[in-house]
C-alpha atoms as a PDB file:
ATOM      1  CA  MET A   1      94.888  77.816 133.323  1.00  0.00           C
ATOM      2  CA  ALA A   2      94.747  75.060 130.752  1.00  0.00           C
ATOM      3  CA  THR A   3      96.815  75.612 127.630  1.00  0.00           C
ATOM      4  CA  VAL A   4      97.082  73.756 124.344  1.00  0.00           C
ATOM      5  CA  ASP A   5      99.570  73.696 121.488  1.00  0.00           C
ATOM      6  CA  VAL A   6      98.331  74.871 118.102  1.00  0.00           C
ATOM      7  CA  ILE A   7      99.983  75.264 114.704  1.00  0.00           C
ATOM      8  CA  LEU A   8      99.291  78.641 113.113  1.00  0.00           C
ATOM      9  CA  LYS A   9      98.082  78.689 109.496  1.00  0.00           C
ATOM     10  CA  GLU A  10      98.710  82.411 109.020  1.00  0.00           C
ATOM     11  CA  LYS A  11     100.537  85.301 110.614  1.00  0.00           C
ATOM     12  CA  ILE A  12      98.776  86.578 113.722  1.00  0.00           C
ATOM     13  CA  GLU A  13     100.045  89.802 115.257  1.00  0.00           C
ATOM     14  CA  GLY A  14     101.454  89.279 118.717  1.00  0.00           C
ATOM     15  CA  LEU A  15     101.305  85.488 118.470  1.00  0.00           C
ATOM     16  CA  GLY A  16     103.451  84.265 115.587  1.00  0.00           C
ATOM     17  CA  ALA A  17     103.657  83.451 111.896  1.00  0.00           C
ATOM     18  CA  GLU A  18     102.484  80.437 109.946  1.00  0.00           C
ATOM     19  CA  ALA A  19     104.034  77.080 110.856  1.00  0.00           C
ATOM     20  CA  ASP A  20     104.802  78.270 114.381  1.00  0.00           C
ATOM     21  CA  VAL A  21     103.764  75.924 117.147  1.00  0.00           C
ATOM     22  CA  VAL A  22     102.505  78.144 119.941  1.00  0.00           C
ATOM     23  CA  LYS A  23     101.008  77.509 123.350  1.00  0.00           C
ATOM     24  CA  VAL A  24      97.728  79.362 123.858  1.00  0.00           C
ATOM     25  CA  LYS A  25      94.895  79.189 126.339  1.00  0.00           C
ATOM     26  CA  ARG A  26      92.395  76.466 125.592  1.00  0.00           C
ATOM     27  CA  GLY A  27      89.446  78.864 125.237  1.00  0.00           C
ATOM     28  CA  TYR A  28      91.307  81.114 122.767  1.00  0.00           C
ATOM     29  CA  ALA A  29      92.110  78.081 120.627  1.00  0.00           C
ATOM     30  CA  ARG A  30      88.666  76.490 120.893  1.00  0.00           C
ATOM     31  CA  ASN A  31      86.588  79.661 120.473  1.00  0.00           C
ATOM     32  CA  PHE A  32      88.665  81.772 118.082  1.00  0.00           C
ATOM     33  CA  LEU A  33      91.678  80.233 116.341  1.00  0.00           C
ATOM     34  CA  LEU A  34      90.236  76.844 115.380  1.00  0.00           C
ATOM     35  CA  PRO A  35      86.728  77.921 114.231  1.00  0.00           C
ATOM     36  CA  GLN A  36      88.127  80.805 112.157  1.00  0.00           C
ATOM     37  CA  GLY A  37      90.589  78.487 110.429  1.00  0.00           C
ATOM     38  CA  ARG A  38      93.618  80.436 111.626  1.00  0.00           C
ATOM     39  CA  ALA A  39      95.209  77.452 113.362  1.00  0.00           C
ATOM     40  CA  PHE A  40      94.859  73.724 113.868  1.00  0.00           C
ATOM     41  CA  GLU A  41      95.650  71.420 116.743  1.00  0.00           C
ATOM     42  CA  ALA A  42      99.260  70.282 117.154  1.00  0.00           C
ATOM     43  CA  THR A  43      98.624  66.546 116.867  1.00  0.00           C
ATOM     44  CA  LYS A  44     101.245  64.087 115.613  1.00  0.00           C
ATOM     45  CA  GLY A  45      99.566  63.926 112.208  1.00  0.00           C
ATOM     46  CA  ASN A  46      99.363  67.694 111.871  1.00  0.00           C
ATOM     47  CA  LEU A  47     102.972  68.185 112.971  1.00  0.00           C
ATOM     48  CA  ARG A  48     104.051  66.291 109.823  1.00  0.00           C
ATOM     49  CA  HIS A  49     102.592  69.090 107.676  1.00  0.00           C
ATOM     50  CA  ILE A  50     104.755  71.778 109.227  1.00  0.00           C
ATOM     51  CA  ALA A  51     107.384  71.471 106.479  1.00  0.00           C
ATOM     52  CA  GLN A  52     104.889  72.574 103.819  1.00  0.00           C
ATOM     53  CA  LEU A  53     103.695  75.467 105.966  1.00  0.00           C
ATOM     54  CA  GLN A  54     107.285  76.574 106.572  1.00  0.00           C
ATOM     55  CA  GLU A  55     107.908  76.493 102.821  1.00  0.00           C
ATOM     56  CA  ASN A  56     104.851  78.705 102.250  1.00  0.00           C
ATOM     57  CA  ARG A  57     106.053  81.038 105.000  1.00  0.00           C
ATOM     58  CA  ALA A  58     109.535  81.348 103.472  1.00  0.00           C
ATOM     59  CA  LYS A  59     108.000  82.112 100.077  1.00  0.00           C
ATOM     60  CA  ARG A  60     105.679  84.761 101.558  1.00  0.00           C
ATOM     61  CA  GLU A  61     108.464  86.406 103.550  1.00  0.00           C
ATOM     62  CA  ALA A  62     110.716  86.525 100.471  1.00  0.00           C
ATOM     63  CA  GLU A  63     107.927  88.215  98.486  1.00  0.00           C
ATOM     64  CA  GLU A  64     107.276  90.712 101.276  1.00  0.00           C
ATOM     65  CA  ARG A  65     110.963  91.589 101.467  1.00  0.00           C
ATOM     66  CA  ALA A  66     111.221  92.010  97.680  1.00  0.00           C
ATOM     67  CA  ASP A  67     108.130  94.239  97.680  1.00  0.00           C
ATOM     68  CA  ALA A  68     109.600  96.310 100.519  1.00  0.00           C
ATOM     69  CA  GLU A  69     112.898  96.736  98.652  1.00  0.00           C
ATOM     70  CA  ASN A  70     111.045  97.854  95.502  1.00  0.00           C
ATOM     71  CA  ALA A  71     109.041 100.330  97.556  1.00  0.00           C
ATOM     72  CA  ALA A  72     112.271 101.597  99.150  1.00  0.00           C
ATOM     73  CA  THR A  73     113.790 102.367  95.750  1.00  0.00           C
ATOM     74  CA  LYS A  74     110.620 104.232  94.727  1.00  0.00           C
ATOM     75  CA  LEU A  75     110.600 106.198  97.980  1.00  0.00           C
ATOM     76  CA  LYS A  76     114.258 107.247  97.606  1.00  0.00           C
ATOM     77  CA  LYS A  77     113.394 108.905  94.281  1.00  0.00           C
ATOM     78  CA  LEU A  78     110.353 110.663  95.728  1.00  0.00           C
ATOM     79  CA  ARG A  79     110.556 114.356  96.663  1.00  0.00           C
ATOM     80  CA  LEU A  80     107.690 115.652  98.749  1.00  0.00           C
ATOM     81  CA  SER A  81     106.744 119.143  99.775  1.00  0.00           C
ATOM     82  CA  THR A  82     103.923 120.457 101.888  1.00  0.00           C
ATOM     83  CA  GLU A  83     102.794 123.807 103.208  1.00  0.00           C
ATOM     84  CA  LEU A  84     102.472 124.931 106.789  1.00  0.00           C
ATOM     85  CA  SER A  85     100.594 128.066 107.849  1.00  0.00           C
ATOM     86  CA  ILE A  86     102.995 130.468 109.548  1.00  0.00           C
ATOM     87  CA  GLY A  87     101.780 133.494 111.474  1.00  0.00           C
ATOM     88  CA  GLN A  88     103.485 136.672 112.585  1.00  0.00           C
ATOM     89  CA  GLY A  89     106.740 136.045 114.409  1.00  0.00           C
ATOM     90  CA  GLY A  90     107.251 132.695 112.658  1.00  0.00           C
ATOM     91  CA  LYS A  91     104.787 130.797 114.849  1.00  0.00           C
ATOM     92  CA  ALA A  92     103.282 127.766 113.097  1.00  0.00           C
ATOM     93  CA  PHE A  93      99.554 127.114 113.010  1.00  0.00           C
ATOM     94  CA  GLY A  94      99.253 123.354 113.129  1.00  0.00           C
ATOM     95  CA  SER A  95     101.961 120.851 112.266  1.00  0.00           C
ATOM     96  CA  VAL A  96     102.964 118.180 109.781  1.00  0.00           C
ATOM     97  CA  THR A  97     102.233 114.769 111.296  1.00  0.00           C
ATOM     98  CA  THR A  98     102.878 111.180 110.271  1.00  0.00           C
ATOM     99  CA  GLN A  99      99.340 111.018 108.856  1.00  0.00           C
ATOM    100  CA  ASN A 100     100.016 114.046 106.618  1.00  0.00           C
ATOM    101  CA  ILE A 101     103.246 112.470 105.367  1.00  0.00           C
ATOM    102  CA  ALA A 102     101.546 109.097 104.764  1.00  0.00           C
ATOM    103  CA  ASP A 103      98.789 110.820 102.772  1.00  0.00           C
ATOM    104  CA  LEU A 104     101.381 112.685 100.676  1.00  0.00           C
ATOM    105  CA  ILE A 105     103.282 109.470  99.924  1.00  0.00           C
ATOM    106  CA  ASN A 106     100.109 107.564  99.036  1.00  0.00           C
ATOM    107  CA  GLU A 107      98.977 110.397  96.757  1.00  0.00           C
ATOM    108  CA  LYS A 108     102.289 110.938  94.954  1.00  0.00           C
ATOM    109  CA  SER A 109     103.638 107.401  94.621  1.00  0.00           C
ATOM    110  CA  LYS A 110     100.601 105.089  94.771  1.00  0.00           C
ATOM    111  CA  LEU A 111     102.327 103.128  97.534  1.00  0.00           C
ATOM    112  CA  GLU A 112     100.279 102.108 100.546  1.00  0.00           C
ATOM    113  CA  ILE A 113     102.280 103.439 103.499  1.00  0.00           C
ATOM    114  CA  ASP A 114     100.692 103.351 106.934  1.00  0.00           C
ATOM    115  CA  ARG A 115     101.359 106.220 109.339  1.00  0.00           C
ATOM    116  CA  HIS A 116     102.750 103.741 111.880  1.00  0.00           C
ATOM    117  CA  GLN A 117     105.577 102.875 109.492  1.00  0.00           C
ATOM    118  CA  ILE A 118     106.834 106.477 109.534  1.00  0.00           C
ATOM    119  CA  ASP A 119     109.428 107.125 112.248  1.00  0.00           C
ATOM    120  CA  LEU A 120     108.828 110.730 113.236  1.00  0.00           C
ATOM    121  CA  ASP A 121     109.787 111.648 116.805  1.00  0.00           C
ATOM    122  CA  LYS A 122     107.433 114.603 117.022  1.00  0.00           C
ATOM    123  CA  PRO A 123     105.295 116.578 114.552  1.00  0.00           C
ATOM    124  CA  ILE A 124     107.126 119.080 112.346  1.00  0.00           C
ATOM    125  CA  LYS A 125     106.322 122.669 113.326  1.00  0.00           C
ATOM    126  CA  THR A 126     108.969 124.576 111.381  1.00  0.00           C
ATOM    127  CA  THR A 127     109.808 125.160 107.748  1.00  0.00           C
ATOM    128  CA  GLY A 128     112.764 123.466 106.144  1.00  0.00           C
ATOM    129  CA  SER A 129     113.865 120.162 104.700  1.00  0.00           C
ATOM    130  CA  PHE A 130     113.591 116.994 106.782  1.00  0.00           C
ATOM    131  CA  ASP A 131     114.844 113.440 106.242  1.00  0.00           C
ATOM    132  CA  ILE A 132     112.271 111.022 107.592  1.00  0.00           C
ATOM    133  CA  PRO A 133     112.937 107.273 107.970  1.00  0.00           C
ATOM    134  CA  ILE A 134     110.207 104.814 106.994  1.00  0.00           C
ATOM    135  CA  LYS A 135     110.177 101.218 108.248  1.00  0.00           C
ATOM    136  CA  LEU A 136     108.854  99.139 105.331  1.00  0.00           C
ATOM    137  CA  HIS A 137     109.882  95.704 106.631  1.00  0.00           C
ATOM    138  CA  PRO A 138     111.804  94.516 109.692  1.00  0.00           C
ATOM    139  CA  ASP A 139     114.918  94.337 107.479  1.00  0.00           C
ATOM    140  CA  VAL A 140     114.196  97.194 105.034  1.00  0.00           C
ATOM    141  CA  GLU A 141     114.166 100.884 105.886  1.00  0.00           C
ATOM    142  CA  ALA A 142     113.943 103.836 103.509  1.00  0.00           C
ATOM    143  CA  SER A 143     114.354 107.554 103.993  1.00  0.00           C
ATOM    144  CA  ILE A 144     112.433 110.326 102.261  1.00  0.00           C
ATOM    145  CA  THR A 145     112.984 114.063 102.181  1.00  0.00           C
ATOM    146  CA  VAL A 146     110.036 116.308 102.959  1.00  0.00           C
ATOM    147  CA  ARG A 147     110.259 120.051 102.362  1.00  0.00           C
ATOM    148  CA  VAL A 148     107.983 122.135 104.538  1.00  0.00           C
ATOM    149  CA  LEU A 149     107.219 125.525 103.034  1.00  0.00           C
ATOM    150  CA  ALA A 150     105.416 128.530 104.486  1.00  0.00           C
ATOM    151  CA  ALA A 151     101.892 128.820 103.089  1.00  0.00           C
ATOM    152  CA  GLU A 152     101.111 131.920 101.058  1.00  0.00           C
ATOM    153  CA  GLY A 153      98.867 134.359 102.898  1.00  0.00           C
ATOM    154  CA  GLY A 154      99.287 132.417 106.114  1.00  0.00           C
ATOM    155  CA  GLU A 155      99.705 135.532 108.246  1.00  0.00           C
ATOM    156  CA  SER A 156      96.731 136.428 110.335  1.00  0.00           C
ATOM    157  CA  THR A 157      95.829 140.058 111.003  1.00  0.00           C
ATOM    158  CA  GLU A 158      93.449 139.196 113.835  1.00  0.00           C
ATOM    159  CA  GLU A 159      96.200 137.752 116.016  1.00  0.00           C
ATOM    160  CA  SER A 160      96.598 139.458 119.409  1.00  0.00           C
ATOM    161  CA  GLU A 161     100.066 140.637 120.351  1.00  0.00           C
ATOM    162  CA  ASP A 162     101.627 139.248 123.559  1.00  0.00           C
END
């Protein structure tokens, strides 16, 4: 397969960040990266402009890290609680998932947290208090406390006994 070197203009997931010189297949470069303006050919003239792109990249990464640290301080102050329906015998109906936690954070703090940033091994199916780590940046991680309470009137009378 024929490959070419291109210089990325922006961060592309799974490929690299701006100012990276990467080797990609010729068709990917010709049909996607170059026409969309996401990269340009790695010619001698273009390689001279890498210094400016690296400066822009350093500036962007510093801003992203600062934003992540600010979000981490806001998240540490945040106290969340949610309700979980509990039936007879303490059996939970449903669970608290990363999507539920992300929605709670976005509602309470006005921060845009994606569910993929939340590091939850498995959904929460019991009541109690849980410390949940959140990956805001490759270098910045925060932890929030979520209290899971039993919902009022959550007991079902139509439940069959085992």
